[in-house]
């Protein structure tokens, strides 16, 4: 599915302010599920009780992550190796991962 410019812009805003709460990678079926808690304010009424959304991305070509011993923007921070299973677990544990 191709996204419109408006959809892309909305996703950029939502992802910039999101908290990563889940990640599931299925290499065999070539997809990844990303669960985010997003800030949202509807035009009318209160914000939803459950702020989570899930993005299913397919086809999955590759997974690329930068896992550092330091802040995300510290270019001198040591890069650490990480497996897909460790990445999924760290997202669930909320260990300093930034979307």
PDB file of N, CA and C in Angstrom:
ATOM      1  N   UNK A   1       0.842  -1.173   0.000  1.00  0.00           N
ATOM      2  CA  UNK A   1       0.000   0.000   0.000  1.00  0.00           C
ATOM      3  C   UNK A   1       0.888   1.237   0.000  1.00  0.00           C
ATOM      4  N   UNK A   2       0.648   2.116  -0.907  1.00  0.00           N
ATOM      5  CA  UNK A   2       1.385   3.381  -0.939  1.00  0.00           C
ATOM      6  C   UNK A   2       0.694   4.392  -0.034  1.00  0.00           C
ATOM      7  N   UNK A   3       1.502   5.133   0.710  1.00  0.00           N
ATOM      8  CA  UNK A   3       0.965   6.146   1.610  1.00  0.00           C
ATOM      9  C   UNK A   3       0.931   7.493   0.915  1.00  0.00           C
ATOM     10  N   UNK A   4      -0.062   8.294   1.271  1.00  0.00           N
ATOM     11  CA  UNK A   4      -0.136   9.658   0.756  1.00  0.00           C
ATOM     12  C   UNK A   4       0.840  10.533   1.542  1.00  0.00           C
ATOM     13  N   UNK A   5       1.137  11.703   1.003  1.00  0.00           N
ATOM     14  CA  UNK A   5       2.010  12.650   1.709  1.00  0.00           C
ATOM     15  C   UNK A   5       1.412  13.018   3.076  1.00  0.00           C
ATOM     16  N   UNK A   6       0.098  13.159   3.134  1.00  0.00           N
ATOM     17  CA  UNK A   6      -0.573  13.492   4.396  1.00  0.00           C
ATOM     18  C   UNK A   6      -0.402  12.361   5.411  1.00  0.00           C
ATOM     19  N   UNK A   7      -0.537  11.112   4.975  1.00  0.00           N
ATOM     20  CA  UNK A   7      -0.344   9.967   5.871  1.00  0.00           C
ATOM     21  C   UNK A   7       1.092   9.899   6.364  1.00  0.00           C
ATOM     22  N   UNK A   8       2.038  10.111   5.475  1.00  0.00           N
ATOM     23  CA  UNK A   8       3.449  10.088   5.858  1.00  0.00           C
ATOM     24  C   UNK A   8       3.742  11.177   6.876  1.00  0.00           C
ATOM     25  N   UNK A   9       3.232  12.372   6.639  1.00  0.00           N
ATOM     26  CA  UNK A   9       3.430  13.473   7.572  1.00  0.00           C
ATOM     27  C   UNK A   9       2.839  13.149   8.938  1.00  0.00           C
ATOM     28  N   UNK A  10       1.628  12.576   8.952  1.00  0.00           N
ATOM     29  CA  UNK A  10       0.995  12.196  10.211  1.00  0.00           C
ATOM     30  C   UNK A  10       1.771  11.125  10.941  1.00  0.00           C
ATOM     31  N   UNK A  11       2.297  10.150  10.208  1.00  0.00           N
ATOM     32  CA  UNK A  11       3.111   9.100  10.831  1.00  0.00           C
ATOM     33  C   UNK A  11       4.405   9.671  11.401  1.00  0.00           C
ATOM     34  N   UNK A  12       5.015  10.613  10.684  1.00  0.00           N
ATOM     35  CA  UNK A  12       6.242  11.231  11.190  1.00  0.00           C
ATOM     36  C   UNK A  12       5.991  11.916  12.528  1.00  0.00           C
ATOM     37  N   UNK A  13       4.910  12.669  12.630  1.00  0.00           N
ATOM     38  CA  UNK A  13       4.580  13.360  13.880  1.00  0.00           C
ATOM     39  C   UNK A  13       4.293  12.339  14.973  1.00  0.00           C
ATOM     40  N   UNK A  14       3.484  11.338  14.668  1.00  0.00           N
ATOM     41  CA  UNK A  14       3.124  10.330  15.665  1.00  0.00           C
ATOM     42  C   UNK A  14       4.351   9.567  16.145  1.00  0.00           C
ATOM     43  N   UNK A  15       5.223   9.178  15.243  1.00  0.00           N
ATOM     44  CA  UNK A  15       6.407   8.398  15.615  1.00  0.00           C
ATOM     45  C   UNK A  15       7.422   9.234  16.384  1.00  0.00           C
ATOM     46  N   UNK A  16       7.525  10.513  16.067  1.00  0.00           N
ATOM     47  CA  UNK A  16       8.457  11.383  16.797  1.00  0.00           C
ATOM     48  C   UNK A  16       8.103  11.480  18.271  1.00  0.00           C
ATOM     49  N   UNK A  17       6.834  11.381  18.600  1.00  0.00           N
ATOM     50  CA  UNK A  17       6.374  11.530  19.975  1.00  0.00           C
ATOM     51  C   UNK A  17       5.966  10.199  20.602  1.00  0.00           C
ATOM     52  N   UNK A  18       6.241   9.082  19.939  1.00  0.00           N
ATOM     53  CA  UNK A  18       5.766   7.775  20.393  1.00  0.00           C
ATOM     54  C   UNK A  18       6.733   7.115  21.367  1.00  0.00           C
ATOM     55  N   UNK A  19       6.160   6.220  22.166  1.00  0.00           N
ATOM     56  CA  UNK A  19       6.944   5.339  23.017  1.00  0.00           C
ATOM     57  C   UNK A  19       6.836   3.940  22.440  1.00  0.00           C
ATOM     58  N   UNK A  20       7.967   3.322  22.227  1.00  0.00           N
ATOM     59  CA  UNK A  20       8.014   1.983  21.653  1.00  0.00           C
ATOM     60  C   UNK A  20       7.642   0.987  22.734  1.00  0.00           C
ATOM     61  N   UNK A  21       6.574   0.223  22.554  1.00  0.00           N
ATOM     62  CA  UNK A  21       6.147  -0.730  23.586  1.00  0.00           C
ATOM     63  C   UNK A  21       6.176  -2.175  23.126  1.00  0.00           C
ATOM     64  N   UNK A  22       6.384  -2.426  21.853  1.00  0.00           N
ATOM     65  CA  UNK A  22       6.438  -3.804  21.384  1.00  0.00           C
ATOM     66  C   UNK A  22       7.083  -3.916  20.020  1.00  0.00           C
ATOM     67  N   UNK A  23       7.709  -5.065  19.800  1.00  0.00           N
ATOM     68  CA  UNK A  23       8.347  -5.350  18.522  1.00  0.00           C
ATOM     69  C   UNK A  23       8.297  -6.851  18.309  1.00  0.00           C
ATOM     70  N   UNK A  24       7.826  -7.251  17.151  1.00  0.00           N
ATOM     71  CA  UNK A  24       7.819  -8.662  16.794  1.00  0.00           C
ATOM     72  C   UNK A  24       8.333  -8.776  15.369  1.00  0.00           C
ATOM     73  N   UNK A  25       9.366  -9.591  15.197  1.00  0.00           N
ATOM     74  CA  UNK A  25       9.971  -9.782  13.886  1.00  0.00           C
ATOM     75  C   UNK A  25       9.767 -11.229  13.468  1.00  0.00           C
ATOM     76  N   UNK A  26       9.164 -11.414  12.307  1.00  0.00           N
ATOM     77  CA  UNK A  26       8.939 -12.755  11.771  1.00  0.00           C
ATOM     78  C   UNK A  26       9.736 -12.875  10.479  1.00  0.00           C
ATOM     79  N   UNK A  27      10.921 -13.468  10.595  1.00  0.00           N
ATOM     80  CA  UNK A  27      11.804 -13.581   9.437  1.00  0.00           C
ATOM     81  C   UNK A  27      11.249 -14.555   8.393  1.00  0.00           C
ATOM     82  N   UNK A  28      10.641 -15.636   8.847  1.00  0.00           N
ATOM     83  CA  UNK A  28      10.138 -16.650   7.926  1.00  0.00           C
ATOM     84  C   UNK A  28       9.034 -16.101   7.025  1.00  0.00           C
ATOM     85  N   UNK A  29       8.135 -15.289   7.603  1.00  0.00           N
ATOM     86  CA  UNK A  29       7.024 -14.735   6.826  1.00  0.00           C
ATOM     87  C   UNK A  29       7.300 -13.308   6.340  1.00  0.00           C
ATOM     88  N   UNK A  30       8.493 -12.816   6.648  1.00  0.00           N
ATOM     89  CA  UNK A  30       8.972 -11.534   6.126  1.00  0.00           C
ATOM     90  C   UNK A  30       8.112 -10.338   6.542  1.00  0.00           C
ATOM     91  N   UNK A  31       7.855 -10.200   7.859  1.00  0.00           N
ATOM     92  CA  UNK A  31       7.136  -9.024   8.343  1.00  0.00           C
ATOM     93  C   UNK A  31       7.648  -8.636   9.729  1.00  0.00           C
ATOM     94  N   UNK A  32       7.357  -7.393  10.102  1.00  0.00           N
ATOM     95  CA  UNK A  32       7.673  -6.894  11.436  1.00  0.00           C
ATOM     96  C   UNK A  32       6.455  -6.138  11.957  1.00  0.00           C
ATOM     97  N   UNK A  33       6.144  -6.347  13.230  1.00  0.00           N
ATOM     98  CA  UNK A  33       5.078  -5.612  13.894  1.00  0.00           C
ATOM     99  C   UNK A  33       5.694  -4.672  14.924  1.00  0.00           C
ATOM    100  N   UNK A  34       5.364  -3.406  14.841  1.00  0.00           N
ATOM    101  CA  UNK A  34       5.865  -2.391  15.766  1.00  0.00           C
ATOM    102  C   UNK A  34       4.665  -1.826  16.515  1.00  0.00           C
ATOM    103  N   UNK A  35       4.691  -1.930  17.837  1.00  0.00           N
ATOM    104  CA  UNK A  35       3.605  -1.381  18.646  1.00  0.00           C
ATOM    105  C   UNK A  35       4.115  -0.126  19.342  1.00  0.00           C
ATOM    106  N   UNK A  36       3.361   0.947  19.192  1.00  0.00           N
ATOM    107  CA  UNK A  36       3.732   2.244  19.746  1.00  0.00           C
ATOM    108  C   UNK A  36       2.598   2.796  20.602  1.00  0.00           C
ATOM    109  N   UNK A  37       2.953   3.498  21.648  1.00  0.00           N
ATOM    110  CA  UNK A  37       1.981   4.295  22.398  1.00  0.00           C
ATOM    111  C   UNK A  37       2.159   5.722  21.891  1.00  0.00           C
ATOM    112  N   UNK A  38       1.119   6.257  21.277  1.00  0.00           N
ATOM    113  CA  UNK A  38       1.230   7.578  20.653  1.00  0.00           C
ATOM    114  C   UNK A  38       0.366   8.601  21.372  1.00  0.00           C
ATOM    115  N   UNK A  39       0.820   9.824  21.311  1.00  0.00           N
ATOM    116  CA  UNK A  39       0.013  10.932  21.822  1.00  0.00           C
ATOM    117  C   UNK A  39      -1.001  11.267  20.753  1.00  0.00           C
ATOM    118  N   UNK A  40      -2.252  11.332  21.123  1.00  0.00           N
ATOM    119  CA  UNK A  40      -3.265  11.697  20.137  1.00  0.00           C
ATOM    120  C   UNK A  40      -4.326  12.542  20.813  1.00  0.00           C
ATOM    121  N   UNK A  41      -4.835  13.471  20.064  1.00  0.00           N
ATOM    122  CA  UNK A  41      -5.894  14.336  20.557  1.00  0.00           C
ATOM    123  C   UNK A  41      -6.915  14.469  19.441  1.00  0.00           C
ATOM    124  N   UNK A  42      -8.051  13.781  19.591  1.00  0.00           N
ATOM    125  CA  UNK A  42      -9.056  13.864  18.535  1.00  0.00           C
ATOM    126  C   UNK A  42      -9.635  15.278  18.421  1.00  0.00           C
ATOM    127  N   UNK A  43     -10.232  15.541  17.283  1.00  0.00           N
ATOM    128  CA  UNK A  43     -10.840  16.858  17.048  1.00  0.00           C
ATOM    129  C   UNK A  43     -11.904  17.124  18.104  1.00  0.00           C
ATOM    130  N   UNK A  44     -12.659  16.084  18.453  1.00  0.00           N
ATOM    131  CA  UNK A  44     -13.689  16.210  19.489  1.00  0.00           C
ATOM    132  C   UNK A  44     -13.523  15.089  20.499  1.00  0.00           C
ATOM    133  N   UNK A  45     -13.815  15.387  21.737  1.00  0.00           N
ATOM    134  CA  UNK A  45     -13.793  14.374  22.784  1.00  0.00           C
ATOM    135  C   UNK A  45     -12.411  14.131  23.367  1.00  0.00           C
ATOM    136  N   UNK A  46     -12.370  13.241  24.362  1.00  0.00           N
ATOM    137  CA  UNK A  46     -11.104  12.972  25.053  1.00  0.00           C
ATOM    138  C   UNK A  46     -10.184  12.074  24.229  1.00  0.00           C
ATOM    139  N   UNK A  47      -8.940  12.021  24.644  1.00  0.00           N
ATOM    140  CA  UNK A  47      -7.974  11.110  24.024  1.00  0.00           C
ATOM    141  C   UNK A  47      -8.398   9.672  24.312  1.00  0.00           C
ATOM    142  N   UNK A  48      -8.047   8.729  23.448  1.00  0.00           N
ATOM    143  CA  UNK A  48      -8.424   7.339  23.690  1.00  0.00           C
ATOM    144  C   UNK A  48      -7.782   6.793  24.961  1.00  0.00           C
ATOM    145  N   UNK A  49      -8.485   5.881  25.638  1.00  0.00           N
ATOM    146  CA  UNK A  49      -7.940   5.272  26.850  1.00  0.00           C
ATOM    147  C   UNK A  49      -6.692   4.451  26.545  1.00  0.00           C
ATOM    148  N   UNK A  50      -6.692   3.772  25.413  1.00  0.00           N
ATOM    149  CA  UNK A  50      -5.552   2.956  25.010  1.00  0.00           C
ATOM    150  C   UNK A  50      -4.831   3.671  23.869  1.00  0.00           C
ATOM    151  N   UNK A  51      -3.635   4.208  24.131  1.00  0.00           N
ATOM    152  CA  UNK A  51      -2.942   4.996  23.119  1.00  0.00           C
ATOM    153  C   UNK A  51      -2.123   4.166  22.131  1.00  0.00           C
ATOM    154  N   UNK A  52      -2.204   2.841  22.221  1.00  0.00           N
ATOM    155  CA  UNK A  52      -1.350   1.997  21.382  1.00  0.00           C
ATOM    156  C   UNK A  52      -1.875   1.865  19.952  1.00  0.00           C
ATOM    157  N   UNK A  53      -0.926   1.854  19.036  1.00  0.00           N
ATOM    158  CA  UNK A  53      -1.210   1.523  17.639  1.00  0.00           C
ATOM    159  C   UNK A  53      -0.192   0.474  17.227  1.00  0.00           C
ATOM    160  N   UNK A  54      -0.517  -0.279  16.196  1.00  0.00           N
ATOM    161  CA  UNK A  54       0.436  -1.259  15.698  1.00  0.00           C
ATOM    162  C   UNK A  54       0.616  -1.073  14.200  1.00  0.00           C
ATOM    163  N   UNK A  55       1.864  -1.049  13.803  1.00  0.00           N
ATOM    164  CA  UNK A  55       2.213  -0.986  12.392  1.00  0.00           C
ATOM    165  C   UNK A  55       2.732  -2.370  11.989  1.00  0.00           C
ATOM    166  N   UNK A  56       2.165  -2.932  10.950  1.00  0.00           N
ATOM    167  CA  UNK A  56       2.664  -4.185  10.390  1.00  0.00           C
ATOM    168  C   UNK A  56       3.357  -3.820   9.083  1.00  0.00           C
ATOM    169  N   UNK A  57       4.633  -4.087   9.007  1.00  0.00           N
ATOM    170  CA  UNK A  57       5.429  -3.719   7.846  1.00  0.00           C
ATOM    171  C   UNK A  57       5.833  -4.984   7.098  1.00  0.00           C
ATOM    172  N   UNK A  58       5.493  -5.007   5.805  1.00  0.00           N
ATOM    173  CA  UNK A  58       5.781  -6.184   5.003  1.00  0.00           C
ATOM    174  C   UNK A  58       5.945  -5.745   3.555  1.00  0.00           C
ATOM    175  N   UNK A  59       6.834  -6.237   2.795  1.00  0.00           N
ATOM    176  CA  UNK A  59       7.778  -7.291   3.133  1.00  0.00           C
ATOM    177  C   UNK A  59       8.966  -6.749   3.929  1.00  0.00           C
ATOM    178  N   UNK A  60       9.460  -7.544   4.800  1.00  0.00           N
ATOM    179  CA  UNK A  60      10.634  -7.213   5.602  1.00  0.00           C
ATOM    180  C   UNK A  60      11.863  -7.639   4.810  1.00  0.00           C
ATOM    181  N   UNK A  61      12.696  -6.694   4.466  1.00  0.00           N
ATOM    182  CA  UNK A  61      13.908  -6.986   3.709  1.00  0.00           C
ATOM    183  C   UNK A  61      15.080  -7.192   4.664  1.00  0.00           C
ATOM    184  N   UNK A  62      15.224  -6.255   5.601  1.00  0.00           N
ATOM    185  CA  UNK A  62      16.299  -6.369   6.594  1.00  0.00           C
ATOM    186  C   UNK A  62      15.928  -5.561   7.823  1.00  0.00           C
ATOM    187  N   UNK A  63      16.578  -5.879   8.922  1.00  0.00           N
ATOM    188  CA  UNK A  63      16.413  -5.143  10.168  1.00  0.00           C
ATOM    189  C   UNK A  63      17.756  -4.497  10.475  1.00  0.00           C
ATOM    190  N   UNK A  64      17.731  -3.215  10.744  1.00  0.00           N
ATOM    191  CA  UNK A  64      18.955  -2.482  11.039  1.00  0.00           C
ATOM    192  C   UNK A  64      18.736  -1.714  12.339  1.00  0.00           C
ATOM    193  N   UNK A  65      19.625  -1.901  13.286  1.00  0.00           N
ATOM    194  CA  UNK A  65      19.517  -1.203  14.562  1.00  0.00           C
ATOM    195  C   UNK A  65      20.899  -0.747  15.005  1.00  0.00           C
ATOM    196  N   UNK A  66      20.938   0.392  15.638  1.00  0.00           N
ATOM    197  CA  UNK A  66      22.171   0.898  16.221  1.00  0.00           C
ATOM    198  C   UNK A  66      22.000   0.820  17.733  1.00  0.00           C
ATOM    199  N   UNK A  67      22.708  -0.108  18.357  1.00  0.00           N
ATOM    200  CA  UNK A  67      22.608  -0.298  19.806  1.00  0.00           C
ATOM    201  C   UNK A  67      23.907   0.191  20.421  1.00  0.00           C
ATOM    202  N   UNK A  68      23.807   1.213  21.262  1.00  0.00           N
ATOM    203  CA  UNK A  68      24.997   1.889  21.768  1.00  0.00           C
ATOM    204  C   UNK A  68      25.068   1.862  23.297  1.00  0.00           C
ATOM    205  N   UNK A  69      26.278   1.920  23.781  1.00  0.00           N
ATOM    206  CA  UNK A  69      26.530   2.053  25.207  1.00  0.00           C
ATOM    207  C   UNK A  69      26.625   3.549  25.509  1.00  0.00           C
ATOM    208  N   UNK A  70      25.476   4.210  25.442  1.00  0.00           N
ATOM    209  CA  UNK A  70      25.429   5.651  25.645  1.00  0.00           C
ATOM    210  C   UNK A  70      24.173   6.214  25.016  1.00  0.00           C
ATOM    211  N   UNK A  71      24.113   7.510  24.920  1.00  0.00           N
ATOM    212  CA  UNK A  71      22.955   8.171  24.335  1.00  0.00           C
ATOM    213  C   UNK A  71      22.904   7.948  22.828  1.00  0.00           C
ATOM    214  N   UNK A  72      21.712   8.005  22.272  1.00  0.00           N
ATOM    215  CA  UNK A  72      21.517   7.742  20.847  1.00  0.00           C
ATOM    216  C   UNK A  72      22.306   8.678  19.949  1.00  0.00           C
ATOM    217  N   UNK A  73      22.535   9.902  20.420  1.00  0.00           N
ATOM    218  CA  UNK A  73      23.208  10.899  19.590  1.00  0.00           C
ATOM    219  C   UNK A  73      24.692  11.071  19.936  1.00  0.00           C
ATOM    220  N   UNK A  74      25.221  10.180  20.756  1.00  0.00           N
ATOM    221  CA  UNK A  74      26.636  10.223  21.123  1.00  0.00           C
ATOM    222  C   UNK A  74      27.433   9.416  20.103  1.00  0.00           C
ATOM    223  N   UNK A  75      28.066  10.137  19.170  1.00  0.00           N
ATOM    224  CA  UNK A  75      28.803   9.459  18.107  1.00  0.00           C
ATOM    225  C   UNK A  75      29.984   8.650  18.625  1.00  0.00           C
ATOM    226  N   UNK A  76      30.458   8.970  19.831  1.00  0.00           N
ATOM    227  CA  UNK A  76      31.605   8.253  20.394  1.00  0.00           C
ATOM    228  C   UNK A  76      31.185   7.059  21.254  1.00  0.00           C
ATOM    229  N   UNK A  77      29.869   6.886  21.451  1.00  0.00           N
ATOM    230  CA  UNK A  77      29.386   5.767  22.269  1.00  0.00           C
ATOM    231  C   UNK A  77      29.720   4.440  21.572  1.00  0.00           C
ATOM    232  N   UNK A  78      30.172   3.496  22.362  1.00  0.00           N
ATOM    233  CA  UNK A  78      30.536   2.181  21.826  1.00  0.00           C
ATOM    234  C   UNK A  78      29.317   1.492  21.211  1.00  0.00           C
ATOM    235  N   UNK A  79      29.477   0.979  19.994  1.00  0.00           N
ATOM    236  CA  UNK A  79      28.424   0.192  19.358  1.00  0.00           C
ATOM    237  C   UNK A  79      28.485  -1.225  19.900  1.00  0.00           C
ATOM    238  N   UNK A  80      27.319  -1.769  20.257  1.00  0.00           N
ATOM    239  CA  UNK A  80      27.248  -3.107  20.834  1.00  0.00           C
ATOM    240  C   UNK A  80      26.519  -4.046  19.883  1.00  0.00           C
ATOM    241  N   UNK A  81      26.945  -5.299  19.830  1.00  0.00           N
ATOM    242  CA  UNK A  81      26.216  -6.265  19.001  1.00  0.00           C
ATOM    243  C   UNK A  81      24.873  -6.608  19.653  1.00  0.00           C
ATOM    244  N   UNK A  82      23.878  -6.925  18.822  1.00  0.00           N
ATOM    245  CA  UNK A  82      22.559  -7.290  19.342  1.00  0.00           C
ATOM    246  C   UNK A  82      21.886  -8.231  18.342  1.00  0.00           C
ATOM    247  N   UNK A  83      21.258  -9.270  18.876  1.00  0.00           N
ATOM    248  CA  UNK A  83      20.511 -10.194  18.026  1.00  0.00           C
ATOM    249  C   UNK A  83      19.069  -9.709  17.909  1.00  0.00           C
ATOM    250  N   UNK A  84      18.343 -10.266  16.968  1.00  0.00           N
ATOM    251  CA  UNK A  84      16.925  -9.908  16.813  1.00  0.00           C
ATOM    252  C   UNK A  84      16.160 -10.230  18.088  1.00  0.00           C
ATOM    253  N   UNK A  85      16.438 -11.384  18.690  1.00  0.00           N
ATOM    254  CA  UNK A  85      15.741 -11.770  19.917  1.00  0.00           C
ATOM    255  C   UNK A  85      16.046 -10.787  21.048  1.00  0.00           C
ATOM    256  N   UNK A  86      17.297 -10.354  21.159  1.00  0.00           N
ATOM    257  CA  UNK A  86      17.660  -9.379  22.187  1.00  0.00           C
ATOM    258  C   UNK A  86      16.984  -8.034  21.921  1.00  0.00           C
ATOM    259  N   UNK A  87      16.915  -7.637  20.658  1.00  0.00           N
ATOM    260  CA  UNK A  87      16.263  -6.382  20.303  1.00  0.00           C
ATOM    261  C   UNK A  87      14.792  -6.410  20.699  1.00  0.00           C
ATOM    262  N   UNK A  88      14.091  -7.501  20.374  1.00  0.00           N
ATOM    263  CA  UNK A  88      12.678  -7.638  20.743  1.00  0.00           C
ATOM    264  C   UNK A  88      12.508  -7.554  22.266  1.00  0.00           C
ATOM    265  N   UNK A  89      13.377  -8.243  23.000  1.00  0.00           N
ATOM    266  CA  UNK A  89      13.291  -8.261  24.464  1.00  0.00           C
ATOM    267  C   UNK A  89      13.564  -6.875  25.052  1.00  0.00           C
ATOM    268  N   UNK A  90      14.557  -6.170  24.531  1.00  0.00           N
ATOM    269  CA  UNK A  90      14.882  -4.848  25.057  1.00  0.00           C
ATOM    270  C   UNK A  90      13.758  -3.846  24.807  1.00  0.00           C
ATOM    271  N   UNK A  91      13.081  -3.972  23.655  1.00  0.00           N
ATOM    272  CA  UNK A  91      11.922  -3.105  23.410  1.00  0.00           C
ATOM    273  C   UNK A  91      10.855  -3.360  24.460  1.00  0.00           C
ATOM    274  N   UNK A  92      10.565  -4.642  24.741  1.00  0.00           N
ATOM    275  CA  UNK A  92       9.544  -4.974  25.737  1.00  0.00           C
ATOM    276  C   UNK A  92       9.939  -4.499  27.131  1.00  0.00           C
ATOM    277  N   UNK A  93      11.243  -4.513  27.414  1.00  0.00           N
ATOM    278  CA  UNK A  93      11.725  -4.065  28.727  1.00  0.00           C
ATOM    279  C   UNK A  93      11.852  -2.548  28.800  1.00  0.00           C
ATOM    280  N   UNK A  94      11.715  -1.871  27.654  1.00  0.00           N
ATOM    281  CA  UNK A  94      11.807  -0.412  27.632  1.00  0.00           C
ATOM    282  C   UNK A  94      13.175   0.112  27.958  1.00  0.00           C
ATOM    283  N   UNK A  95      14.204  -0.568  27.508  1.00  0.00           N
ATOM    284  CA  UNK A  95      15.569  -0.204  27.873  1.00  0.00           C
ATOM    285  C   UNK A  95      16.166   0.870  26.981  1.00  0.00           C
ATOM    286  N   UNK A  96      15.661   2.071  27.108  1.00  0.00           N
ATOM    287  CA  UNK A  96      16.288   3.217  26.471  1.00  0.00           C
ATOM    288  C   UNK A  96      16.237   3.218  24.955  1.00  0.00           C
ATOM    289  N   UNK A  97      15.280   2.527  24.382  1.00  0.00           N
ATOM    290  CA  UNK A  97      15.200   2.483  22.927  1.00  0.00           C
ATOM    291  C   UNK A  97      14.383   3.659  22.417  1.00  0.00           C
ATOM    292  N   UNK A  98      14.886   4.290  21.405  1.00  0.00           N
ATOM    293  CA  UNK A  98      14.233   5.462  20.829  1.00  0.00           C
ATOM    294  C   UNK A  98      13.736   5.101  19.448  1.00  0.00           C
ATOM    295  N   UNK A  99      12.533   5.459  19.149  1.00  0.00           N
ATOM    296  CA  UNK A  99      11.967   5.201  17.820  1.00  0.00           C
ATOM    297  C   UNK A  99      12.608   6.110  16.828  1.00  0.00           C
TER     298      UNK A  99
END
